[in-house]
């Protein structure tokens, strides 16, 4: 698999997993951090450094997956700023 495709797949997987975090603050922080890190590393051209960053991102993905599991063990109520599901007229 090419490095570019691997990085894009890793980016999408990290965003998908971070969306599963039950805590709004952790979820928004993780998504912001992922986007900022990938934007900052977009200009890398040294293959060794790219490989190091990909390996680091894979470790972070595993950490996010563990945090999702732990977060679901200790759930709390949703915050006011989080969107709540509302009934649409077709849902009656």
PDB file of N, CA and C in Angstrom:
ATOM      1  N   UNK A   1       0.850  -1.173   0.000  1.00  0.00           N
ATOM      2  CA  UNK A   1       0.000   0.000   0.000  1.00  0.00           C
ATOM      3  C   UNK A   1       0.900   1.242   0.000  1.00  0.00           C
ATOM      4  N   UNK A   2       0.531   2.226  -0.794  1.00  0.00           N
ATOM      5  CA  UNK A   2       1.344   3.439  -0.850  1.00  0.00           C
ATOM      6  C   UNK A   2       1.265   4.201   0.466  1.00  0.00           C
ATOM      7  N   UNK A   3       2.260   4.997   0.704  1.00  0.00           N
ATOM      8  CA  UNK A   3       2.326   5.753   1.949  1.00  0.00           C
ATOM      9  C   UNK A   3       1.181   6.753   2.037  1.00  0.00           C
ATOM     10  N   UNK A   4       0.847   7.376   0.925  1.00  0.00           N
ATOM     11  CA  UNK A   4      -0.234   8.362   0.914  1.00  0.00           C
ATOM     12  C   UNK A   4      -1.565   7.698   1.250  1.00  0.00           C
ATOM     13  N   UNK A   5      -1.846   6.583   0.616  1.00  0.00           N
ATOM     14  CA  UNK A   5      -3.099   5.866   0.875  1.00  0.00           C
ATOM     15  C   UNK A   5      -3.142   5.370   2.322  1.00  0.00           C
ATOM     16  N   UNK A   6      -2.015   4.907   2.808  1.00  0.00           N
ATOM     17  CA  UNK A   6      -1.933   4.427   4.186  1.00  0.00           C
ATOM     18  C   UNK A   6      -2.202   5.572   5.162  1.00  0.00           C
ATOM     19  N   UNK A   7      -1.649   6.744   4.891  1.00  0.00           N
ATOM     20  CA  UNK A   7      -1.855   7.899   5.768  1.00  0.00           C
ATOM     21  C   UNK A   7      -3.317   8.343   5.736  1.00  0.00           C
ATOM     22  N   UNK A   8      -3.926   8.358   4.575  1.00  0.00           N
ATOM     23  CA  UNK A   8      -5.331   8.767   4.465  1.00  0.00           C
ATOM     24  C   UNK A   8      -6.236   7.777   5.183  1.00  0.00           C
ATOM     25  N   UNK A   9      -5.960   6.496   5.031  1.00  0.00           N
ATOM     26  CA  UNK A   9      -6.742   5.471   5.719  1.00  0.00           C
ATOM     27  C   UNK A   9      -6.587   5.610   7.229  1.00  0.00           C
ATOM     28  N   UNK A  10      -5.388   5.833   7.672  1.00  0.00           N
ATOM     29  CA  UNK A  10      -5.123   6.015   9.096  1.00  0.00           C
ATOM     30  C   UNK A  10      -5.837   7.252   9.626  1.00  0.00           C
ATOM     31  N   UNK A  11      -5.814   8.332   8.864  1.00  0.00           N
ATOM     32  CA  UNK A  11      -6.494   9.575   9.241  1.00  0.00           C
ATOM     33  C   UNK A  11      -7.996   9.335   9.406  1.00  0.00           C
ATOM     34  N   UNK A  12      -8.596   8.685   8.438  1.00  0.00           N
ATOM     35  CA  UNK A  12     -10.044   8.407   8.504  1.00  0.00           C
ATOM     36  C   UNK A  12     -10.387   7.489   9.671  1.00  0.00           C
ATOM     37  N   UNK A  13      -9.574   6.473   9.883  1.00  0.00           N
ATOM     38  CA  UNK A  13      -9.832   5.555  10.999  1.00  0.00           C
ATOM     39  C   UNK A  13      -9.726   6.269  12.342  1.00  0.00           C
ATOM     40  N   UNK A  14      -8.755   7.157  12.464  1.00  0.00           N
ATOM     41  CA  UNK A  14      -8.598   7.884  13.712  1.00  0.00           C
ATOM     42  C   UNK A  14      -9.790   8.814  13.961  1.00  0.00           C
ATOM     43  N   UNK A  15     -10.262   9.481  12.905  1.00  0.00           N
ATOM     44  CA  UNK A  15     -11.430  10.344  13.066  1.00  0.00           C
ATOM     45  C   UNK A  15     -12.679   9.545  13.412  1.00  0.00           C
ATOM     46  N   UNK A  16     -12.859   8.410  12.758  1.00  0.00           N
ATOM     47  CA  UNK A  16     -14.025   7.561  13.052  1.00  0.00           C
ATOM     48  C   UNK A  16     -14.011   7.066  14.490  1.00  0.00           C
ATOM     49  N   UNK A  17     -12.856   6.639  14.940  1.00  0.00           N
ATOM     50  CA  UNK A  17     -12.754   6.142  16.315  1.00  0.00           C
ATOM     51  C   UNK A  17     -12.949   7.265  17.325  1.00  0.00           C
ATOM     52  N   UNK A  18     -12.417   8.440  17.027  1.00  0.00           N
ATOM     53  CA  UNK A  18     -12.563   9.543  17.980  1.00  0.00           C
ATOM     54  C   UNK A  18     -14.013  10.013  18.063  1.00  0.00           C
ATOM     55  N   UNK A  19     -14.800   9.821  17.009  1.00  0.00           N
ATOM     56  CA  UNK A  19     -16.228  10.165  17.058  1.00  0.00           C
ATOM     57  C   UNK A  19     -16.989   9.279  18.032  1.00  0.00           C
ATOM     58  N   UNK A  20     -16.436   8.148  18.369  1.00  0.00           N
ATOM     59  CA  UNK A  20     -17.086   7.215  19.289  1.00  0.00           C
ATOM     60  C   UNK A  20     -16.843   7.557  20.753  1.00  0.00           C
ATOM     61  N   UNK A  21     -15.943   8.486  21.023  1.00  0.00           N
ATOM     62  CA  UNK A  21     -15.681   8.865  22.409  1.00  0.00           C
ATOM     63  C   UNK A  21     -16.948   9.456  23.024  1.00  0.00           C
ATOM     64  N   UNK A  22     -17.358   8.971  24.189  1.00  0.00           N
ATOM     65  CA  UNK A  22     -18.614   9.456  24.770  1.00  0.00           C
ATOM     66  C   UNK A  22     -18.530  10.868  25.351  1.00  0.00           C
ATOM     67  N   UNK A  23     -17.367  11.295  25.777  1.00  0.00           N
ATOM     68  CA  UNK A  23     -17.203  12.620  26.366  1.00  0.00           C
ATOM     69  C   UNK A  23     -17.000  13.659  25.263  1.00  0.00           C
ATOM     70  N   UNK A  24     -17.845  14.671  25.255  1.00  0.00           N
ATOM     71  CA  UNK A  24     -17.783  15.717  24.228  1.00  0.00           C
ATOM     72  C   UNK A  24     -16.411  16.386  24.200  1.00  0.00           C
ATOM     73  N   UNK A  25     -15.893  16.730  25.365  1.00  0.00           N
ATOM     74  CA  UNK A  25     -14.608  17.440  25.423  1.00  0.00           C
ATOM     75  C   UNK A  25     -13.464  16.590  24.879  1.00  0.00           C
ATOM     76  N   UNK A  26     -13.410  15.326  25.258  1.00  0.00           N
ATOM     77  CA  UNK A  26     -12.373  14.440  24.736  1.00  0.00           C
ATOM     78  C   UNK A  26     -12.538  14.220  23.240  1.00  0.00           C
ATOM     79  N   UNK A  27     -13.784  14.074  22.809  1.00  0.00           N
ATOM     80  CA  UNK A  27     -14.072  13.850  21.390  1.00  0.00           C
ATOM     81  C   UNK A  27     -13.602  15.031  20.548  1.00  0.00           C
ATOM     82  N   UNK A  28     -13.954  16.245  20.944  1.00  0.00           N
ATOM     83  CA  UNK A  28     -13.557  17.428  20.185  1.00  0.00           C
ATOM     84  C   UNK A  28     -12.048  17.649  20.230  1.00  0.00           C
ATOM     85  N   UNK A  29     -11.441  17.398  21.383  1.00  0.00           N
ATOM     86  CA  UNK A  29      -9.990  17.540  21.496  1.00  0.00           C
ATOM     87  C   UNK A  29      -9.285  16.549  20.570  1.00  0.00           C
ATOM     88  N   UNK A  30      -9.722  15.302  20.593  1.00  0.00           N
ATOM     89  CA  UNK A  30      -9.077  14.277  19.774  1.00  0.00           C
ATOM     90  C   UNK A  30      -9.209  14.608  18.286  1.00  0.00           C
ATOM     91  N   UNK A  31     -10.390  15.009  17.869  1.00  0.00           N
ATOM     92  CA  UNK A  31     -10.588  15.325  16.450  1.00  0.00           C
ATOM     93  C   UNK A  31      -9.743  16.524  16.027  1.00  0.00           C
ATOM     94  N   UNK A  32      -9.692  17.546  16.872  1.00  0.00           N
ATOM     95  CA  UNK A  32      -8.888  18.728  16.568  1.00  0.00           C
ATOM     96  C   UNK A  32      -7.397  18.369  16.513  1.00  0.00           C
ATOM     97  N   UNK A  33      -6.945  17.564  17.463  1.00  0.00           N
ATOM     98  CA  UNK A  33      -5.539  17.163  17.524  1.00  0.00           C
ATOM     99  C   UNK A  33      -5.149  16.325  16.304  1.00  0.00           C
ATOM    100  N   UNK A  34      -6.027  15.430  15.898  1.00  0.00           N
ATOM    101  CA  UNK A  34      -5.755  14.586  14.727  1.00  0.00           C
ATOM    102  C   UNK A  34      -5.625  15.453  13.478  1.00  0.00           C
ATOM    103  N   UNK A  35      -6.580  16.338  13.276  1.00  0.00           N
ATOM    104  CA  UNK A  35      -6.535  17.209  12.094  1.00  0.00           C
ATOM    105  C   UNK A  35      -5.277  18.072  12.088  1.00  0.00           C
ATOM    106  N   UNK A  36      -4.965  18.677  13.224  1.00  0.00           N
ATOM    107  CA  UNK A  36      -3.786  19.546  13.294  1.00  0.00           C
ATOM    108  C   UNK A  36      -2.496  18.773  13.058  1.00  0.00           C
ATOM    109  N   UNK A  37      -2.397  17.580  13.613  1.00  0.00           N
ATOM    110  CA  UNK A  37      -1.177  16.773  13.449  1.00  0.00           C
ATOM    111  C   UNK A  37      -0.980  16.359  11.994  1.00  0.00           C
ATOM    112  N   UNK A  38      -2.051  15.937  11.354  1.00  0.00           N
ATOM    113  CA  UNK A  38      -1.912  15.512   9.962  1.00  0.00           C
ATOM    114  C   UNK A  38      -1.623  16.703   9.049  1.00  0.00           C
ATOM    115  N   UNK A  39      -2.204  17.855   9.344  1.00  0.00           N
ATOM    116  CA  UNK A  39      -1.895  19.055   8.545  1.00  0.00           C
ATOM    117  C   UNK A  39      -0.439  19.464   8.718  1.00  0.00           C
ATOM    118  N   UNK A  40       0.062  19.387   9.947  1.00  0.00           N
ATOM    119  CA  UNK A  40       1.442  19.776  10.206  1.00  0.00           C
ATOM    120  C   UNK A  40       2.427  18.823   9.534  1.00  0.00           C
ATOM    121  N   UNK A  41       2.077  17.550   9.455  1.00  0.00           N
ATOM    122  CA  UNK A  41       2.982  16.556   8.877  1.00  0.00           C
ATOM    123  C   UNK A  41       2.776  16.378   7.373  1.00  0.00           C
ATOM    124  N   UNK A  42       1.907  17.157   6.792  1.00  0.00           N
ATOM    125  CA  UNK A  42       1.625  17.053   5.363  1.00  0.00           C
ATOM    126  C   UNK A  42       2.851  17.378   4.517  1.00  0.00           C
ATOM    127  N   UNK A  43       3.737  18.210   5.035  1.00  0.00           N
ATOM    128  CA  UNK A  43       4.885  18.670   4.250  1.00  0.00           C
ATOM    129  C   UNK A  43       6.105  17.759   4.373  1.00  0.00           C
ATOM    130  N   UNK A  44       6.015  16.689   5.135  1.00  0.00           N
ATOM    131  CA  UNK A  44       7.164  15.792   5.313  1.00  0.00           C
ATOM    132  C   UNK A  44       7.546  15.129   3.997  1.00  0.00           C
ATOM    133  N   UNK A  45       8.852  15.001   3.767  1.00  0.00           N
ATOM    134  CA  UNK A  45       9.317  14.334   2.550  1.00  0.00           C
ATOM    135  C   UNK A  45      10.325  13.221   2.843  1.00  0.00           C
ATOM    136  N   UNK A  46      10.882  13.193   4.042  1.00  0.00           N
ATOM    137  CA  UNK A  46      11.828  12.158   4.436  1.00  0.00           C
ATOM    138  C   UNK A  46      11.058  10.880   4.787  1.00  0.00           C
ATOM    139  N   UNK A  47      11.354   9.797   4.091  1.00  0.00           N
ATOM    140  CA  UNK A  47      10.593   8.561   4.269  1.00  0.00           C
ATOM    141  C   UNK A  47      10.745   7.965   5.668  1.00  0.00           C
ATOM    142  N   UNK A  48      11.915   8.124   6.260  1.00  0.00           N
ATOM    143  CA  UNK A  48      12.103   7.603   7.621  1.00  0.00           C
ATOM    144  C   UNK A  48      11.223   8.354   8.614  1.00  0.00           C
ATOM    145  N   UNK A  49      11.160   9.663   8.452  1.00  0.00           N
ATOM    146  CA  UNK A  49      10.320  10.472   9.342  1.00  0.00           C
ATOM    147  C   UNK A  49       8.833  10.168   9.098  1.00  0.00           C
ATOM    148  N   UNK A  50       8.463   9.970   7.856  1.00  0.00           N
ATOM    149  CA  UNK A  50       7.067   9.611   7.546  1.00  0.00           C
ATOM    150  C   UNK A  50       6.715   8.286   8.206  1.00  0.00           C
ATOM    151  N   UNK A  51       7.624   7.306   8.118  1.00  0.00           N
ATOM    152  CA  UNK A  51       7.383   6.011   8.747  1.00  0.00           C
ATOM    153  C   UNK A  51       7.256   6.145  10.261  1.00  0.00           C
ATOM    154  N   UNK A  52       8.073   7.000  10.866  1.00  0.00           N
ATOM    155  CA  UNK A  52       7.975   7.229  12.310  1.00  0.00           C
ATOM    156  C   UNK A  52       6.636   7.855  12.680  1.00  0.00           C
ATOM    157  N   UNK A  53       6.208   8.807  11.894  1.00  0.00           N
ATOM    158  CA  UNK A  53       4.938   9.471  12.169  1.00  0.00           C
ATOM    159  C   UNK A  53       3.755   8.522  11.969  1.00  0.00           C
ATOM    160  N   UNK A  54       3.824   7.667  10.965  1.00  0.00           N
ATOM    161  CA  UNK A  54       2.762   6.677  10.732  1.00  0.00           C
ATOM    162  C   UNK A  54       2.716   5.687  11.884  1.00  0.00           C
ATOM    163  N   UNK A  55       3.880   5.241  12.354  1.00  0.00           N
ATOM    164  CA  UNK A  55       3.922   4.321  13.490  1.00  0.00           C
ATOM    165  C   UNK A  55       3.354   4.984  14.741  1.00  0.00           C
ATOM    166  N   UNK A  56       3.681   6.245  14.937  1.00  0.00           N
ATOM    167  CA  UNK A  56       3.147   6.983  16.078  1.00  0.00           C
ATOM    168  C   UNK A  56       1.632   7.134  15.976  1.00  0.00           C
ATOM    169  N   UNK A  57       1.142   7.401  14.782  1.00  0.00           N
ATOM    170  CA  UNK A  57      -0.299   7.536  14.572  1.00  0.00           C
ATOM    171  C   UNK A  57      -1.021   6.209  14.813  1.00  0.00           C
ATOM    172  N   UNK A  58      -0.396   5.097  14.447  1.00  0.00           N
ATOM    173  CA  UNK A  58      -1.004   3.789  14.710  1.00  0.00           C
ATOM    174  C   UNK A  58      -1.103   3.524  16.207  1.00  0.00           C
ATOM    175  N   UNK A  59      -0.078   3.910  16.950  1.00  0.00           N
ATOM    176  CA  UNK A  59      -0.128   3.775  18.406  1.00  0.00           C
ATOM    177  C   UNK A  59      -1.221   4.654  18.984  1.00  0.00           C
ATOM    178  N   UNK A  60      -1.353   5.861  18.454  1.00  0.00           N
ATOM    179  CA  UNK A  60      -2.408   6.756  18.926  1.00  0.00           C
ATOM    180  C   UNK A  60      -3.797   6.224  18.597  1.00  0.00           C
ATOM    181  N   UNK A  61      -3.937   5.572  17.450  1.00  0.00           N
ATOM    182  CA  UNK A  61      -5.216   4.965  17.090  1.00  0.00           C
ATOM    183  C   UNK A  61      -5.597   3.878  18.089  1.00  0.00           C
ATOM    184  N   UNK A  62      -4.635   3.068  18.468  1.00  0.00           N
ATOM    185  CA  UNK A  62      -4.900   2.033  19.462  1.00  0.00           C
ATOM    186  C   UNK A  62      -5.252   2.640  20.816  1.00  0.00           C
ATOM    187  N   UNK A  63      -4.597   3.745  21.156  1.00  0.00           N
ATOM    188  CA  UNK A  63      -4.903   4.424  22.405  1.00  0.00           C
ATOM    189  C   UNK A  63      -6.335   4.973  22.378  1.00  0.00           C
ATOM    190  N   UNK A  64      -6.735   5.546  21.249  1.00  0.00           N
ATOM    191  CA  UNK A  64      -8.103   6.062  21.120  1.00  0.00           C
ATOM    192  C   UNK A  64      -9.101   4.928  21.265  1.00  0.00           C
ATOM    193  N   UNK A  65      -8.814   3.790  20.659  1.00  0.00           N
ATOM    194  CA  UNK A  65      -9.719   2.638  20.774  1.00  0.00           C
ATOM    195  C   UNK A  65      -9.868   2.193  22.224  1.00  0.00           C
ATOM    196  N   UNK A  66      -8.763   2.176  22.970  1.00  0.00           N
ATOM    197  CA  UNK A  66      -8.841   1.811  24.390  1.00  0.00           C
ATOM    198  C   UNK A  66      -9.631   2.847  25.177  1.00  0.00           C
ATOM    199  N   UNK A  67      -9.434   4.115  24.862  1.00  0.00           N
ATOM    200  CA  UNK A  67     -10.155   5.172  25.566  1.00  0.00           C
ATOM    201  C   UNK A  67     -11.654   5.124  25.286  1.00  0.00           C
ATOM    202  N   UNK A  68     -12.026   4.717  24.090  1.00  0.00           N
ATOM    203  CA  UNK A  68     -13.448   4.569  23.767  1.00  0.00           C
ATOM    204  C   UNK A  68     -14.064   3.498  24.661  1.00  0.00           C
ATOM    205  N   UNK A  69     -13.381   2.395  24.816  1.00  0.00           N
ATOM    206  CA  UNK A  69     -13.886   1.309  25.657  1.00  0.00           C
ATOM    207  C   UNK A  69     -13.990   1.771  27.105  1.00  0.00           C
ATOM    208  N   UNK A  70     -12.954   2.423  27.601  1.00  0.00           N
ATOM    209  CA  UNK A  70     -12.972   2.913  28.984  1.00  0.00           C
ATOM    210  C   UNK A  70     -14.052   3.977  29.158  1.00  0.00           C
ATOM    211  N   UNK A  71     -14.196   4.860  28.185  1.00  0.00           N
ATOM    212  CA  UNK A  71     -15.181   5.918  28.271  1.00  0.00           C
ATOM    213  C   UNK A  71     -16.599   5.400  28.351  1.00  0.00           C
ATOM    214  N   UNK A  72     -16.867   4.288  27.672  1.00  0.00           N
ATOM    215  CA  UNK A  72     -18.211   3.716  27.713  1.00  0.00           C
ATOM    216  C   UNK A  72     -18.504   3.023  29.043  1.00  0.00           C
ATOM    217  N   UNK A  73     -17.473   2.716  29.793  1.00  0.00           N
ATOM    218  CA  UNK A  73     -17.690   2.134  31.116  1.00  0.00           C
ATOM    219  C   UNK A  73     -18.201   3.168  32.108  1.00  0.00           C
ATOM    220  N   UNK A  74     -17.822   4.422  31.899  1.00  0.00           N
ATOM    221  CA  UNK A  74     -18.175   5.499  32.822  1.00  0.00           C
ATOM    222  C   UNK A  74     -18.902   6.610  32.069  1.00  0.00           C
ATOM    223  N   UNK A  75     -20.099   6.351  31.618  1.00  0.00           N
ATOM    224  CA  UNK A  75     -20.824   7.338  30.835  1.00  0.00           C
ATOM    225  C   UNK A  75     -21.485   8.379  31.739  1.00  0.00           C
ATOM    226  N   UNK A  76     -21.703   9.541  31.165  1.00  0.00           N
ATOM    227  CA  UNK A  76     -22.369  10.644  31.858  1.00  0.00           C
ATOM    228  C   UNK A  76     -23.457  11.196  30.950  1.00  0.00           C
ATOM    229  N   UNK A  77     -24.231  12.143  31.483  1.00  0.00           N
ATOM    230  CA  UNK A  77     -25.253  12.791  30.671  1.00  0.00           C
ATOM    231  C   UNK A  77     -24.601  13.670  29.608  1.00  0.00           C
ATOM    232  N   UNK A  78     -25.343  13.898  28.528  1.00  0.00           N
ATOM    233  CA  UNK A  78     -24.845  14.769  27.469  1.00  0.00           C
ATOM    234  C   UNK A  78     -24.821  16.216  27.944  1.00  0.00           C
ATOM    235  N   UNK A  79     -23.886  16.982  27.395  1.00  0.00           N
ATOM    236  CA  UNK A  79     -23.792  18.397  27.722  1.00  0.00           C
ATOM    237  C   UNK A  79     -24.841  19.183  26.949  1.00  0.00           C
ATOM    238  N   UNK A  80     -25.056  20.406  27.353  1.00  0.00           N
ATOM    239  CA  UNK A  80     -26.046  21.256  26.706  1.00  0.00           C
ATOM    240  C   UNK A  80     -25.661  21.551  25.260  1.00  0.00           C
ATOM    241  N   UNK A  81     -24.384  21.670  24.973  1.00  0.00           N
ATOM    242  CA  UNK A  81     -23.939  22.028  23.627  1.00  0.00           C
ATOM    243  C   UNK A  81     -23.955  20.860  22.656  1.00  0.00           C
ATOM    244  N   UNK A  82     -24.126  19.661  23.148  1.00  0.00           N
ATOM    245  CA  UNK A  82     -24.182  18.501  22.267  1.00  0.00           C
ATOM    246  C   UNK A  82     -25.552  18.407  21.615  1.00  0.00           C
ATOM    247  N   UNK A  83     -25.585  18.046  20.352  1.00  0.00           N
ATOM    248  CA  UNK A  83     -26.891  17.924  19.690  1.00  0.00           C
ATOM    249  C   UNK A  83     -27.670  16.746  20.268  1.00  0.00           C
ATOM    250  N   UNK A  84     -28.927  16.990  20.541  1.00  0.00           N
ATOM    251  CA  UNK A  84     -29.785  15.935  21.056  1.00  0.00           C
ATOM    252  C   UNK A  84     -30.680  15.447  19.934  1.00  0.00           C
ATOM    253  N   UNK A  85     -30.995  14.180  19.958  1.00  0.00           N
ATOM    254  CA  UNK A  85     -31.884  13.629  18.945  1.00  0.00           C
ATOM    255  C   UNK A  85     -33.304  14.103  19.233  1.00  0.00           C
ATOM    256  N   UNK A  86     -33.933  14.646  18.230  1.00  0.00           N
ATOM    257  CA  UNK A  86     -35.313  15.096  18.382  1.00  0.00           C
ATOM    258  C   UNK A  86     -36.193  14.297  17.446  1.00  0.00           C
ATOM    259  N   UNK A  87     -37.446  14.219  17.799  1.00  0.00           N
ATOM    260  CA  UNK A  87     -38.390  13.512  16.957  1.00  0.00           C
ATOM    261  C   UNK A  87     -38.789  14.390  15.784  1.00  0.00           C
ATOM    262  N   UNK A  88     -38.697  13.838  14.624  1.00  0.00           N
ATOM    263  CA  UNK A  88     -39.183  14.532  13.443  1.00  0.00           C
ATOM    264  C   UNK A  88     -40.630  14.128  13.234  1.00  0.00           C
ATOM    265  N   UNK A  89     -41.385  14.914  12.517  1.00  0.00           N
ATOM    266  CA  UNK A  89     -42.792  14.567  12.311  1.00  0.00           C
ATOM    267  C   UNK A  89     -42.995  13.167  11.736  1.00  0.00           C
ATOM    268  N   UNK A  90     -42.034  12.680  10.955  1.00  0.00           N
ATOM    269  CA  UNK A  90     -42.166  11.349  10.374  1.00  0.00           C
ATOM    270  C   UNK A  90     -41.868  10.245  11.374  1.00  0.00           C
ATOM    271  N   UNK A  91     -41.281  10.592  12.540  1.00  0.00           N
ATOM    272  CA  UNK A  91     -40.920   9.611  13.550  1.00  0.00           C
ATOM    273  C   UNK A  91     -42.053   9.277  14.517  1.00  0.00           C
ATOM    274  N   UNK A  92     -43.204   9.919  14.390  1.00  0.00           N
ATOM    275  CA  UNK A  92     -44.299   9.719  15.337  1.00  0.00           C
ATOM    276  C   UNK A  92     -44.759   8.306  15.394  1.00  0.00           C
TER     277      UNK A  92
END
